Amino acid sequence: MELIIDYFSDQPVYLIVAVILAIAILFSFIKKLVKLAIVVAAVFVLYIAYLTWTGKDVPVSYEDVSSKVKGKVEEGLQAGKKVGQELIGKSKEKILEEAEKKLDKITSD
């Protein structure tokens, strides 16, 4: 670490380049965080609009929102697990079929 500090203190041009690069990286990171915040806010507004349009109650407290979100996430996870298990089953069948075909080909030669 001391070598790096000594190197940059001896070479001010490299220090300036490193500082500019660090500022650019930090600025890029902050821009991405702002974009993420805007997307989350837009999704939240769309969610509230959907609830209003369908006539459902708009959650007022944090607990209401978090319980609904947790419920939907659990439903999504269960559906994902079910689809994943089906894909694994189909993949196993396909692999076994291909292995049998290749084994038959090898044994018939």
C-alpha atoms as a PDB file:
ATOM      1  CA  MET A   1       0.000   0.000   0.000  1.00  0.00           C
ATOM      2  CA  GLU A   2       2.853   2.346   0.806  1.00  0.00           C
ATOM      3  CA  LEU A   3       4.341   1.669  -2.618  1.00  0.00           C
ATOM      4  CA  ILE A   4       1.164   2.849  -4.289  1.00  0.00           C
ATOM      5  CA  ILE A   5       1.023   5.991  -2.158  1.00  0.00           C
ATOM      6  CA  ASP A   6       4.679   6.733  -2.853  1.00  0.00           C
ATOM      7  CA  TYR A   7       4.196   6.116  -6.564  1.00  0.00           C
ATOM      8  CA  PHE A   8       1.245   8.483  -6.814  1.00  0.00           C
ATOM      9  CA  SER A   9       2.936  11.147  -4.698  1.00  0.00           C
ATOM     10  CA  ASP A  10       5.993  10.985  -6.960  1.00  0.00           C
ATOM     11  CA  GLN A  11       3.923  11.063 -10.149  1.00  0.00           C
ATOM     12  CA  PRO A  12       1.307  13.859  -9.865  1.00  0.00           C
ATOM     13  CA  VAL A  13       0.020  13.267 -13.397  1.00  0.00           C
ATOM     14  CA  TYR A  14      -0.932   9.688 -12.518  1.00  0.00           C
ATOM     15  CA  LEU A  15      -2.501  10.924  -9.291  1.00  0.00           C
ATOM     16  CA  ILE A  16      -4.697  13.334 -11.237  1.00  0.00           C
ATOM     17  CA  VAL A  17      -5.695  10.580 -13.662  1.00  0.00           C
ATOM     18  CA  ALA A  18      -6.494   8.229 -10.766  1.00  0.00           C
ATOM     19  CA  VAL A  19      -8.607  10.887  -9.018  1.00  0.00           C
ATOM     20  CA  ILE A  20     -10.512  11.640 -12.222  1.00  0.00           C
ATOM     21  CA  LEU A  21     -11.104   7.928 -12.773  1.00  0.00           C
ATOM     22  CA  ALA A  22     -12.321   7.489  -9.182  1.00  0.00           C
ATOM     23  CA  ILE A  23     -14.704  10.440  -9.554  1.00  0.00           C
ATOM     24  CA  ALA A  24     -16.031   9.009 -12.833  1.00  0.00           C
ATOM     25  CA  ILE A  25     -16.644   5.622 -11.205  1.00  0.00           C
ATOM     26  CA  LEU A  26     -18.358   7.237  -8.218  1.00  0.00           C
ATOM     27  CA  PHE A  27     -20.512   9.402 -10.481  1.00  0.00           C
ATOM     28  CA  SER A  28     -21.499   6.345 -12.534  1.00  0.00           C
ATOM     29  CA  PHE A  29     -22.452   4.454  -9.382  1.00  0.00           C
ATOM     30  CA  ILE A  30     -24.574   7.337  -8.109  1.00  0.00           C
ATOM     31  CA  LYS A  31     -26.290   7.617 -11.517  1.00  0.00           C
ATOM     32  CA  LYS A  32     -27.204   3.941 -11.386  1.00  0.00           C
ATOM     33  CA  LEU A  33     -28.598   4.314  -7.867  1.00  0.00           C
ATOM     34  CA  VAL A  34     -30.740   7.246  -8.982  1.00  0.00           C
ATOM     35  CA  LYS A  35     -32.032   5.238 -11.957  1.00  0.00           C
ATOM     36  CA  LEU A  36     -32.871   2.332  -9.649  1.00  0.00           C
ATOM     37  CA  ALA A  37     -34.733   4.668  -7.292  1.00  0.00           C
ATOM     38  CA  ILE A  38     -36.723   6.097 -10.211  1.00  0.00           C
ATOM     39  CA  VAL A  39     -37.650   2.617 -11.439  1.00  0.00           C
ATOM     40  CA  VAL A  40     -38.710   1.513  -7.951  1.00  0.00           C
ATOM     41  CA  ALA A  41     -40.813   4.663  -7.549  1.00  0.00           C
ATOM     42  CA  ALA A  42     -42.432   4.093 -10.958  1.00  0.00           C
ATOM     43  CA  VAL A  43     -43.260   0.491 -10.095  1.00  0.00           C
ATOM     44  CA  PHE A  44     -44.748   1.625  -6.790  1.00  0.00           C
ATOM     45  CA  VAL A  45     -46.907   4.237  -8.543  1.00  0.00           C
ATOM     46  CA  LEU A  46     -48.076   1.620 -11.064  1.00  0.00           C
ATOM     47  CA  TYR A  47     -48.901  -0.741  -8.189  1.00  0.00           C
ATOM     48  CA  ILE A  48     -50.985   1.924  -6.446  1.00  0.00           C
ATOM     49  CA  ALA A  49     -52.719   2.757  -9.749  1.00  0.00           C
ATOM     50  CA  TYR A  50     -53.466  -0.935 -10.310  1.00  0.00           C
ATOM     51  CA  LEU A  51     -54.942  -1.296  -6.838  1.00  0.00           C
ATOM     52  CA  THR A  52     -57.061   1.803  -7.317  1.00  0.00           C
ATOM     53  CA  TRP A  53     -58.255   0.684 -10.744  1.00  0.00           C
ATOM     54  CA  THR A  54     -59.231  -2.801  -9.571  1.00  0.00           C
ATOM     55  CA  GLY A  55     -60.995  -1.402  -6.529  1.00  0.00           C
ATOM     56  CA  LYS A  56     -58.786  -3.100  -3.972  1.00  0.00           C
ATOM     57  CA  ASP A  57     -57.660  -1.390  -0.793  1.00  0.00           C
ATOM     58  CA  VAL A  58     -54.489   0.613  -1.087  1.00  0.00           C
ATOM     59  CA  PRO A  59     -52.145  -0.364   1.765  1.00  0.00           C
ATOM     60  CA  VAL A  60     -51.482   2.506   4.110  1.00  0.00           C
ATOM     61  CA  SER A  61     -48.861   1.118   6.484  1.00  0.00           C
ATOM     62  CA  TYR A  62     -45.493  -0.450   5.931  1.00  0.00           C
ATOM     63  CA  GLU A  63     -46.695  -3.715   7.459  1.00  0.00           C
ATOM     64  CA  ASP A  64     -49.529  -3.988   4.925  1.00  0.00           C
ATOM     65  CA  VAL A  65     -47.194  -3.402   2.001  1.00  0.00           C
ATOM     66  CA  SER A  66     -44.506  -5.747   3.304  1.00  0.00           C
ATOM     67  CA  SER A  67     -46.982  -8.553   4.046  1.00  0.00           C
ATOM     68  CA  LYS A  68     -48.487  -8.312   0.551  1.00  0.00           C
ATOM     69  CA  VAL A  69     -45.064  -8.212  -1.080  1.00  0.00           C
ATOM     70  CA  LYS A  70     -43.860 -11.177   0.976  1.00  0.00           C
ATOM     71  CA  GLY A  71     -46.968 -13.124  -0.020  1.00  0.00           C
ATOM     72  CA  LYS A  72     -46.428 -12.424  -3.706  1.00  0.00           C
ATOM     73  CA  VAL A  73     -42.738 -13.284  -3.451  1.00  0.00           C
ATOM     74  CA  GLU A  74     -43.587 -16.593  -1.787  1.00  0.00           C
ATOM     75  CA  GLU A  75     -46.099 -17.368  -4.532  1.00  0.00           C
ATOM     76  CA  GLY A  76     -43.471 -16.569  -7.151  1.00  0.00           C
ATOM     77  CA  LEU A  77     -40.882 -18.747  -5.427  1.00  0.00           C
ATOM     78  CA  GLN A  78     -43.275 -21.677  -5.234  1.00  0.00           C
ATOM     79  CA  ALA A  79     -44.182 -21.312  -8.899  1.00  0.00           C
ATOM     80  CA  GLY A  80     -40.477 -21.062  -9.798  1.00  0.00           C
ATOM     81  CA  LYS A  81     -39.665 -24.184  -7.801  1.00  0.00           C
ATOM     82  CA  LYS A  82     -42.473 -26.082  -9.501  1.00  0.00           C
ATOM     83  CA  VAL A  83     -41.311 -25.049 -12.971  1.00  0.00           C
ATOM     84  CA  GLY A  84     -37.709 -25.828 -12.026  1.00  0.00           C
ATOM     85  CA  GLN A  85     -38.614 -29.322 -10.876  1.00  0.00           C
ATOM     86  CA  GLU A  86     -40.529 -29.939 -14.100  1.00  0.00           C
ATOM     87  CA  LEU A  87     -37.556 -28.768 -16.173  1.00  0.00           C
ATOM     88  CA  ILE A  88     -35.201 -30.993 -14.203  1.00  0.00           C
ATOM     89  CA  GLY A  89     -37.488 -33.973 -14.758  1.00  0.00           C
ATOM     90  CA  LYS A  90     -37.733 -33.324 -18.484  1.00  0.00           C
ATOM     91  CA  SER A  91     -33.972 -32.808 -18.716  1.00  0.00           C
ATOM     92  CA  LYS A  92     -33.310 -36.111 -16.958  1.00  0.00           C
ATOM     93  CA  GLU A  93     -35.618 -37.931 -19.352  1.00  0.00           C
ATOM     94  CA  LYS A  94     -33.978 -36.312 -22.378  1.00  0.00           C
ATOM     95  CA  ILE A  95     -30.474 -37.127 -21.108  1.00  0.00           C
ATOM     96  CA  LEU A  96     -31.421 -40.746 -20.448  1.00  0.00           C
ATOM     97  CA  GLU A  97     -32.945 -41.068 -23.923  1.00  0.00           C
ATOM     98  CA  GLU A  98     -29.824 -39.631 -25.575  1.00  0.00           C
ATOM     99  CA  ALA A  99     -27.569 -41.855 -23.465  1.00  0.00           C
ATOM    100  CA  GLU A 100     -29.565 -44.946 -24.441  1.00  0.00           C
ATOM    101  CA  LYS A 101     -29.364 -43.988 -28.139  1.00  0.00           C
ATOM    102  CA  LYS A 102     -25.599 -43.513 -27.951  1.00  0.00           C
ATOM    103  CA  LEU A 103     -25.151 -46.720 -25.960  1.00  0.00           C
ATOM    104  CA  ASP A 104     -27.209 -48.633 -28.532  1.00  0.00           C
ATOM    105  CA  LYS A 105     -25.126 -47.084 -31.308  1.00  0.00           C
ATOM    106  CA  ILE A 106     -21.865 -48.066 -29.579  1.00  0.00           C
ATOM    107  CA  THR A 107     -22.999 -51.607 -28.793  1.00  0.00           C
ATOM    108  CA  SER A 108     -24.438 -52.228 -32.259  1.00  0.00           C
ATOM    109  CA  ASP A 109     -21.114 -51.387 -33.983  1.00  0.00           C
END
